[in-house]
Amino acid sequence: MKIRHCLYLDENVSRKLDAVAAKPGSNKSTIVNDAVTDYLRRQGGNEFEAIFGPRLDKMSGQLLRLERNQEVVVESIALFIRYHLGITAPLPPAQHAEAQAVAHERFDTFLNQVTRRIRQGKTVGREVLARLEQPDAQPVGRA
C-alpha cells in the first residue's frame, strides 16, 4: 500500500527531479521513494562504517604488513645473534681494548652503510620482503 504525501522541494531540486523522471521507465514517486529509503537506511544504519570502513580496512592491511615485517626483522636478528654467539670465542682481558677499537671502527662503517642505503631507498629489509613475496623463491646459500 502506498500513502500519498505532499512535499515541497527547492526549485533546482524539482528541476533535477523532473529531468531524471522524464527518462523512460522512471517516475518521480519511485525516485523520491528510493532516495528517502536510502537516506533512512544511512541514518538508521551504521553511517560511520560506510564512511570510515574502507579506510579502516586499508589501515588494517597496513598494520598486518608492519607486523609481518617486524617478525622478519626480529627473527633475522635473533638468528644472527644465535650464530654470532655460537662462533665467537671469548677474548682474553689483554685483547679487550684492541677489540673495542676495532668494534668502534666496524660500527661506524656499519652506520655509514645503513645511512647510505636508507637514503638510496635500497634496504636489505625490502630485498628480503621482496624475496618472501616471490612464490618460487629458492633458499640462498648451502643446500
N, C-alpha and C. Protein backbone atom coordinates (compact mmCIF):
# COMPACT_ATOMS: atom_id res chain seq x y z
N MET A 1 0.85 -1.18 0.00
CA MET A 1 0.00 0.00 0.00
C MET A 1 0.89 1.23 0.00
N LYS A 2 0.52 2.18 -0.82
CA LYS A 2 1.28 3.42 -0.90
C LYS A 2 0.44 4.55 -0.31
N ILE A 3 1.12 5.43 0.41
CA ILE A 3 0.46 6.57 1.04
C ILE A 3 0.86 7.83 0.30
N ARG A 4 -0.10 8.66 0.04
CA ARG A 4 0.15 9.91 -0.69
C ARG A 4 0.72 10.95 0.26
N HIS A 5 1.76 11.69 -0.22
CA HIS A 5 2.40 12.76 0.54
C HIS A 5 2.47 14.01 -0.32
N CYS A 6 2.39 15.13 0.32
CA CYS A 6 2.55 16.41 -0.38
C CYS A 6 3.87 17.00 0.12
N LEU A 7 4.83 17.18 -0.80
CA LEU A 7 6.16 17.65 -0.43
C LEU A 7 6.48 18.96 -1.13
N TYR A 8 7.31 19.75 -0.50
CA TYR A 8 7.81 20.98 -1.11
C TYR A 8 9.31 20.81 -1.34
N LEU A 9 9.72 21.07 -2.57
CA LEU A 9 11.13 20.95 -2.93
C LEU A 9 11.65 22.29 -3.44
N ASP A 10 12.95 22.51 -3.27
CA ASP A 10 13.56 23.70 -3.85
C ASP A 10 13.45 23.62 -5.36
N GLU A 11 13.45 24.79 -6.02
CA GLU A 11 13.26 24.82 -7.48
C GLU A 11 14.32 24.01 -8.21
N ASN A 12 15.59 24.17 -7.80
CA ASN A 12 16.64 23.45 -8.53
C ASN A 12 16.52 21.93 -8.32
N VAL A 13 16.12 21.50 -7.12
CA VAL A 13 15.91 20.07 -6.86
C VAL A 13 14.73 19.57 -7.69
N SER A 14 13.68 20.37 -7.76
CA SER A 14 12.49 20.00 -8.54
C SER A 14 12.83 19.87 -10.02
N ARG A 15 13.64 20.79 -10.55
CA ARG A 15 14.04 20.71 -11.96
C ARG A 15 14.84 19.44 -12.22
N LYS A 16 15.77 19.13 -11.32
CA LYS A 16 16.58 17.92 -11.48
C LYS A 16 15.71 16.67 -11.40
N LEU A 17 14.75 16.67 -10.48
CA LEU A 17 13.84 15.54 -10.35
C LEU A 17 13.01 15.38 -11.63
N ASP A 18 12.52 16.48 -12.19
CA ASP A 18 11.76 16.42 -13.45
C ASP A 18 12.61 15.85 -14.57
N ALA A 19 13.88 16.28 -14.63
CA ALA A 19 14.77 15.81 -15.70
C ALA A 19 15.03 14.31 -15.58
N VAL A 20 15.25 13.83 -14.37
CA VAL A 20 15.51 12.40 -14.17
C VAL A 20 14.24 11.59 -14.41
N ALA A 21 13.10 12.10 -13.97
CA ALA A 21 11.83 11.38 -14.12
C ALA A 21 11.36 11.35 -15.57
N ALA A 22 11.89 12.24 -16.41
CA ALA A 22 11.49 12.28 -17.82
C ALA A 22 12.05 11.11 -18.62
N LYS A 23 13.03 10.44 -18.07
CA LYS A 23 13.63 9.30 -18.77
C LYS A 23 12.63 8.15 -18.79
N PRO A 24 12.64 7.36 -19.83
CA PRO A 24 11.71 6.23 -19.93
C PRO A 24 11.93 5.22 -18.79
N GLY A 25 10.82 4.75 -18.24
CA GLY A 25 10.87 3.73 -17.21
C GLY A 25 11.05 4.27 -15.80
N SER A 26 11.06 5.59 -15.64
CA SER A 26 11.19 6.13 -14.28
C SER A 26 10.09 7.14 -14.02
N ASN A 27 9.79 7.34 -12.74
CA ASN A 27 8.79 8.33 -12.36
C ASN A 27 9.20 8.97 -11.04
N LYS A 28 8.62 10.09 -10.72
CA LYS A 28 9.01 10.86 -9.54
C LYS A 28 8.79 10.06 -8.26
N SER A 29 7.67 9.35 -8.17
CA SER A 29 7.38 8.60 -6.95
C SER A 29 8.47 7.57 -6.65
N THR A 30 8.90 6.83 -7.65
CA THR A 30 9.93 5.81 -7.46
C THR A 30 11.26 6.44 -7.07
N ILE A 31 11.61 7.54 -7.74
CA ILE A 31 12.87 8.21 -7.46
C ILE A 31 12.89 8.75 -6.03
N VAL A 32 11.83 9.43 -5.63
CA VAL A 32 11.75 10.00 -4.28
C VAL A 32 11.70 8.88 -3.25
N ASN A 33 10.94 7.83 -3.51
CA ASN A 33 10.85 6.69 -2.59
C ASN A 33 12.22 6.05 -2.38
N ASP A 34 12.96 5.82 -3.48
CA ASP A 34 14.30 5.23 -3.37
C ASP A 34 15.25 6.15 -2.61
N ALA A 35 15.18 7.46 -2.88
CA ALA A 35 16.06 8.42 -2.21
C ALA A 35 15.77 8.47 -0.71
N VAL A 36 14.50 8.50 -0.33
CA VAL A 36 14.13 8.55 1.09
C VAL A 36 14.52 7.24 1.78
N THR A 37 14.31 6.11 1.11
CA THR A 37 14.70 4.82 1.68
C THR A 37 16.20 4.77 1.93
N ASP A 38 16.97 5.22 0.95
CA ASP A 38 18.43 5.23 1.11
C ASP A 38 18.85 6.16 2.24
N TYR A 39 18.23 7.32 2.32
CA TYR A 39 18.54 8.28 3.38
C TYR A 39 18.23 7.70 4.75
N LEU A 40 17.09 7.07 4.89
CA LEU A 40 16.71 6.48 6.18
C LEU A 40 17.61 5.30 6.55
N ARG A 41 18.02 4.53 5.56
CA ARG A 41 18.90 3.41 5.82
C ARG A 41 20.25 3.91 6.34
N ARG A 42 20.77 4.98 5.75
CA ARG A 42 22.04 5.54 6.21
C ARG A 42 21.90 6.15 7.59
N GLN A 43 20.79 6.77 7.88
CA GLN A 43 20.60 7.38 9.20
C GLN A 43 20.39 6.32 10.26
N GLY A 44 19.62 5.29 9.93
CA GLY A 44 19.34 4.25 10.91
C GLY A 44 20.47 3.24 11.01
N GLY A 45 21.21 3.09 9.93
CA GLY A 45 22.29 2.11 9.92
C GLY A 45 23.56 2.72 10.47
N ASN A 46 24.63 2.07 10.17
CA ASN A 46 25.92 2.50 10.68
C ASN A 46 26.60 3.36 9.63
N GLU A 47 26.31 4.65 9.65
CA GLU A 47 26.90 5.58 8.69
C GLU A 47 28.41 5.68 8.90
N PHE A 48 28.82 5.53 10.14
CA PHE A 48 30.25 5.56 10.45
C PHE A 48 30.98 4.47 9.67
N GLU A 49 30.42 3.28 9.65
CA GLU A 49 31.03 2.16 8.93
C GLU A 49 31.10 2.44 7.44
N ALA A 50 30.05 3.04 6.91
CA ALA A 50 30.02 3.32 5.47
C ALA A 50 31.09 4.35 5.09
N ILE A 51 31.30 5.31 5.96
CA ILE A 51 32.27 6.37 5.65
C ILE A 51 33.69 5.92 5.93
N PHE A 52 33.93 5.32 7.11
CA PHE A 52 35.27 5.01 7.53
C PHE A 52 35.68 3.56 7.31
N GLY A 53 34.76 2.70 6.95
CA GLY A 53 35.06 1.29 6.76
C GLY A 53 36.18 1.02 5.78
N PRO A 54 36.12 1.58 4.56
CA PRO A 54 37.20 1.32 3.61
C PRO A 54 38.57 1.80 4.12
N ARG A 55 38.58 2.95 4.76
CA ARG A 55 39.85 3.48 5.29
C ARG A 55 40.38 2.59 6.41
N LEU A 56 39.50 2.13 7.28
CA LEU A 56 39.92 1.24 8.36
C LEU A 56 40.42 -0.10 7.81
N ASP A 57 39.79 -0.60 6.76
CA ASP A 57 40.25 -1.84 6.13
C ASP A 57 41.66 -1.66 5.57
N LYS A 58 41.90 -0.52 4.93
CA LYS A 58 43.23 -0.24 4.38
C LYS A 58 44.27 -0.16 5.50
N MET A 59 43.92 0.52 6.59
CA MET A 59 44.84 0.65 7.71
C MET A 59 45.11 -0.71 8.35
N SER A 60 44.10 -1.55 8.41
CA SER A 60 44.27 -2.89 8.97
C SER A 60 45.27 -3.69 8.14
N GLY A 61 45.16 -3.59 6.83
CA GLY A 61 46.12 -4.27 5.95
C GLY A 61 47.53 -3.75 6.14
N GLN A 62 47.66 -2.43 6.31
CA GLN A 62 48.98 -1.85 6.54
C GLN A 62 49.57 -2.35 7.86
N LEU A 63 48.74 -2.43 8.89
CA LEU A 63 49.23 -2.93 10.18
C LEU A 63 49.65 -4.39 10.09
N LEU A 64 48.93 -5.19 9.33
CA LEU A 64 49.31 -6.59 9.15
C LEU A 64 50.66 -6.70 8.46
N ARG A 65 50.89 -5.85 7.44
CA ARG A 65 52.19 -5.86 6.76
C ARG A 65 53.30 -5.41 7.71
N LEU A 66 53.03 -4.39 8.53
CA LEU A 66 54.03 -3.95 9.51
C LEU A 66 54.36 -5.07 10.49
N GLU A 67 53.34 -5.77 10.95
CA GLU A 67 53.57 -6.87 11.88
C GLU A 67 54.42 -7.96 11.23
N ARG A 68 54.12 -8.28 9.99
CA ARG A 68 54.90 -9.31 9.28
C ARG A 68 56.34 -8.84 9.10
N ASN A 69 56.52 -7.57 8.72
CA ASN A 69 57.86 -7.03 8.54
C ASN A 69 58.64 -7.07 9.86
N GLN A 70 57.97 -6.75 10.94
CA GLN A 70 58.62 -6.76 12.25
C GLN A 70 59.03 -8.19 12.62
N GLU A 71 58.19 -9.16 12.32
CA GLU A 71 58.54 -10.55 12.59
C GLU A 71 59.80 -10.95 11.82
N VAL A 72 59.90 -10.52 10.57
CA VAL A 72 61.07 -10.84 9.76
C VAL A 72 62.32 -10.22 10.39
N VAL A 73 62.22 -8.97 10.81
CA VAL A 73 63.36 -8.29 11.42
C VAL A 73 63.77 -8.97 12.71
N VAL A 74 62.82 -9.23 13.59
CA VAL A 74 63.14 -9.85 14.88
C VAL A 74 63.74 -11.24 14.68
N GLU A 75 63.17 -12.01 13.79
CA GLU A 75 63.70 -13.36 13.54
C GLU A 75 65.10 -13.29 12.95
N SER A 76 65.34 -12.36 12.05
CA SER A 76 66.67 -12.20 11.45
C SER A 76 67.70 -11.84 12.51
N ILE A 77 67.36 -10.90 13.37
CA ILE A 77 68.29 -10.50 14.43
C ILE A 77 68.55 -11.66 15.39
N ALA A 78 67.49 -12.37 15.75
CA ALA A 78 67.65 -13.50 16.67
C ALA A 78 68.55 -14.58 16.08
N LEU A 79 68.38 -14.89 14.81
CA LEU A 79 69.22 -15.90 14.16
C LEU A 79 70.68 -15.44 14.10
N PHE A 80 70.86 -14.16 13.79
CA PHE A 80 72.23 -13.63 13.73
C PHE A 80 72.89 -13.69 15.09
N ILE A 81 72.18 -13.31 16.14
CA ILE A 81 72.75 -13.34 17.49
C ILE A 81 73.11 -14.77 17.88
N ARG A 82 72.21 -15.70 17.61
CA ARG A 82 72.49 -17.10 17.94
C ARG A 82 73.74 -17.58 17.20
N TYR A 83 73.84 -17.26 15.92
CA TYR A 83 75.00 -17.66 15.13
C TYR A 83 76.27 -17.00 15.67
N HIS A 84 76.20 -15.69 15.92
CA HIS A 84 77.38 -14.96 16.38
C HIS A 84 77.86 -15.48 17.73
N LEU A 85 76.95 -15.70 18.65
CA LEU A 85 77.34 -16.22 19.97
C LEU A 85 77.90 -17.63 19.86
N GLY A 86 77.44 -18.37 18.89
CA GLY A 86 77.91 -19.75 18.73
C GLY A 86 79.30 -19.84 18.15
N ILE A 87 79.73 -18.88 17.36
CA ILE A 87 81.04 -18.99 16.71
C ILE A 87 82.10 -18.09 17.32
N THR A 88 81.71 -17.15 18.19
CA THR A 88 82.67 -16.20 18.74
C THR A 88 83.22 -16.73 20.06
N ALA A 89 84.53 -16.86 20.09
CA ALA A 89 85.20 -17.31 21.32
C ALA A 89 85.46 -16.09 22.21
N PRO A 90 85.43 -16.27 23.54
CA PRO A 90 85.72 -15.14 24.42
C PRO A 90 87.19 -14.71 24.29
N LEU A 91 87.43 -13.41 24.42
CA LEU A 91 88.78 -12.85 24.30
C LEU A 91 89.43 -12.76 25.68
N PRO A 92 90.74 -12.91 25.70
CA PRO A 92 91.44 -12.69 26.96
C PRO A 92 91.41 -11.20 27.32
N PRO A 93 91.44 -10.85 28.59
CA PRO A 93 91.35 -9.45 29.01
C PRO A 93 92.40 -8.54 28.36
N ALA A 94 93.54 -9.04 28.01
CA ALA A 94 94.59 -8.22 27.41
C ALA A 94 94.20 -7.72 26.02
N GLN A 95 93.29 -8.40 25.35
CA GLN A 95 92.89 -8.01 23.99
C GLN A 95 91.60 -7.19 23.96
N HIS A 96 90.99 -6.90 25.10
CA HIS A 96 89.71 -6.18 25.12
C HIS A 96 89.81 -4.79 24.51
N ALA A 97 90.83 -4.01 24.85
CA ALA A 97 90.97 -2.65 24.35
C ALA A 97 91.11 -2.64 22.83
N GLU A 98 91.94 -3.51 22.31
CA GLU A 98 92.14 -3.59 20.86
C GLU A 98 90.85 -4.02 20.16
N ALA A 99 90.17 -4.99 20.73
CA ALA A 99 88.92 -5.48 20.15
C ALA A 99 87.85 -4.38 20.16
N GLN A 100 87.81 -3.58 21.25
CA GLN A 100 86.83 -2.49 21.31
C GLN A 100 87.12 -1.43 20.26
N ALA A 101 88.39 -1.14 20.01
CA ALA A 101 88.75 -0.15 18.97
C ALA A 101 88.30 -0.65 17.60
N VAL A 102 88.54 -1.91 17.31
CA VAL A 102 88.10 -2.50 16.04
C VAL A 102 86.57 -2.48 15.97
N ALA A 103 85.91 -2.78 17.07
CA ALA A 103 84.45 -2.79 17.10
C ALA A 103 83.89 -1.41 16.81
N HIS A 104 84.49 -0.36 17.41
CA HIS A 104 84.02 1.01 17.14
C HIS A 104 84.18 1.37 15.67
N GLU A 105 85.31 0.98 15.09
CA GLU A 105 85.55 1.26 13.67
C GLU A 105 84.53 0.52 12.79
N ARG A 106 84.29 -0.72 13.09
CA ARG A 106 83.31 -1.52 12.32
C ARG A 106 81.90 -0.95 12.49
N PHE A 107 81.59 -0.50 13.72
CA PHE A 107 80.25 0.05 13.95
C PHE A 107 80.06 1.35 13.17
N ASP A 108 81.08 2.19 13.10
CA ASP A 108 81.00 3.42 12.29
C ASP A 108 80.78 3.07 10.82
N THR A 109 81.49 2.08 10.33
CA THR A 109 81.30 1.63 8.94
C THR A 109 79.88 1.12 8.74
N PHE A 110 79.40 0.36 9.69
CA PHE A 110 78.03 -0.16 9.64
C PHE A 110 77.02 0.99 9.56
N LEU A 111 77.14 1.98 10.44
CA LEU A 111 76.21 3.12 10.43
C LEU A 111 76.27 3.87 9.10
N ASN A 112 77.46 4.05 8.55
CA ASN A 112 77.58 4.73 7.25
C ASN A 112 76.88 3.94 6.15
N GLN A 113 77.02 2.62 6.17
CA GLN A 113 76.35 1.79 5.17
C GLN A 113 74.82 1.87 5.31
N VAL A 114 74.35 1.82 6.54
CA VAL A 114 72.90 1.91 6.78
C VAL A 114 72.38 3.26 6.29
N THR A 115 73.06 4.34 6.65
CA THR A 115 72.65 5.68 6.24
C THR A 115 72.60 5.78 4.71
N ARG A 116 73.65 5.30 4.05
CA ARG A 116 73.70 5.37 2.58
C ARG A 116 72.56 4.57 1.94
N ARG A 117 72.32 3.37 2.42
CA ARG A 117 71.28 2.53 1.83
C ARG A 117 69.88 3.10 2.07
N ILE A 118 69.65 3.66 3.26
CA ILE A 118 68.34 4.26 3.55
C ILE A 118 68.11 5.45 2.64
N ARG A 119 69.12 6.29 2.48
CA ARG A 119 68.98 7.46 1.60
C ARG A 119 68.72 7.07 0.16
N GLN A 120 69.33 5.96 -0.27
CA GLN A 120 69.14 5.49 -1.65
C GLN A 120 67.84 4.70 -1.81
N GLY A 121 67.21 4.35 -0.71
CA GLY A 121 65.98 3.56 -0.77
C GLY A 121 66.23 2.08 -0.99
N LYS A 122 67.49 1.67 -0.91
CA LYS A 122 67.83 0.25 -1.06
C LYS A 122 68.07 -0.32 0.32
N THR A 123 67.12 -1.08 0.82
CA THR A 123 67.30 -1.67 2.14
C THR A 123 67.30 -3.18 2.03
N VAL A 124 68.06 -3.80 2.89
CA VAL A 124 68.09 -5.27 2.94
C VAL A 124 66.70 -5.79 3.30
N GLY A 125 66.01 -5.05 4.18
CA GLY A 125 64.66 -5.45 4.56
C GLY A 125 63.74 -5.54 3.36
N ARG A 126 63.81 -4.54 2.49
CA ARG A 126 62.97 -4.59 1.27
C ARG A 126 63.37 -5.74 0.38
N GLU A 127 64.68 -6.01 0.28
CA GLU A 127 65.13 -7.13 -0.53
C GLU A 127 64.61 -8.45 0.03
N VAL A 128 64.68 -8.60 1.36
CA VAL A 128 64.20 -9.84 1.99
C VAL A 128 62.70 -9.98 1.79
N LEU A 129 61.95 -8.89 2.03
CA LEU A 129 60.50 -8.96 1.87
C LEU A 129 60.11 -9.22 0.42
N ALA A 130 60.83 -8.64 -0.52
CA ALA A 130 60.54 -8.90 -1.93
C ALA A 130 60.78 -10.38 -2.25
N ARG A 131 61.83 -10.93 -1.68
CA ARG A 131 62.13 -12.35 -1.90
C ARG A 131 61.03 -13.22 -1.28
N LEU A 132 60.53 -12.83 -0.11
CA LEU A 132 59.46 -13.60 0.54
C LEU A 132 58.17 -13.59 -0.27
N GLU A 133 57.94 -12.50 -1.00
CA GLU A 133 56.70 -12.39 -1.77
C GLU A 133 56.75 -13.17 -3.07
N GLN A 134 57.94 -13.63 -3.48
CA GLN A 134 58.05 -14.42 -4.69
C GLN A 134 57.66 -15.86 -4.39
N PRO A 135 56.67 -16.38 -5.10
CA PRO A 135 56.18 -17.73 -4.79
C PRO A 135 57.22 -18.81 -5.07
N ASP A 136 58.14 -18.57 -6.00
CA ASP A 136 59.11 -19.59 -6.37
C ASP A 136 60.50 -19.28 -5.80
N ALA A 137 60.55 -18.56 -4.68
CA ALA A 137 61.84 -18.18 -4.09
C ALA A 137 62.60 -19.40 -3.62
N GLN A 138 63.86 -19.46 -4.01
CA GLN A 138 64.73 -20.56 -3.62
C GLN A 138 65.59 -20.12 -2.45
N PRO A 139 65.88 -21.01 -1.50
CA PRO A 139 66.77 -20.67 -0.40
C PRO A 139 68.14 -20.29 -0.92
N VAL A 140 68.77 -19.33 -0.25
CA VAL A 140 70.10 -18.87 -0.64
C VAL A 140 71.11 -19.56 0.24
N GLY A 141 72.27 -19.88 -0.33
CA GLY A 141 73.33 -20.48 0.48
C GLY A 141 73.46 -21.97 0.21
N ARG A 142 73.98 -22.65 1.20
CA ARG A 142 74.21 -24.09 1.06
C ARG A 142 72.91 -24.88 1.10
N ALA A 143 72.90 -25.96 0.36
CA ALA A 143 71.70 -26.81 0.32
C ALA A 143 71.71 -27.83 1.41
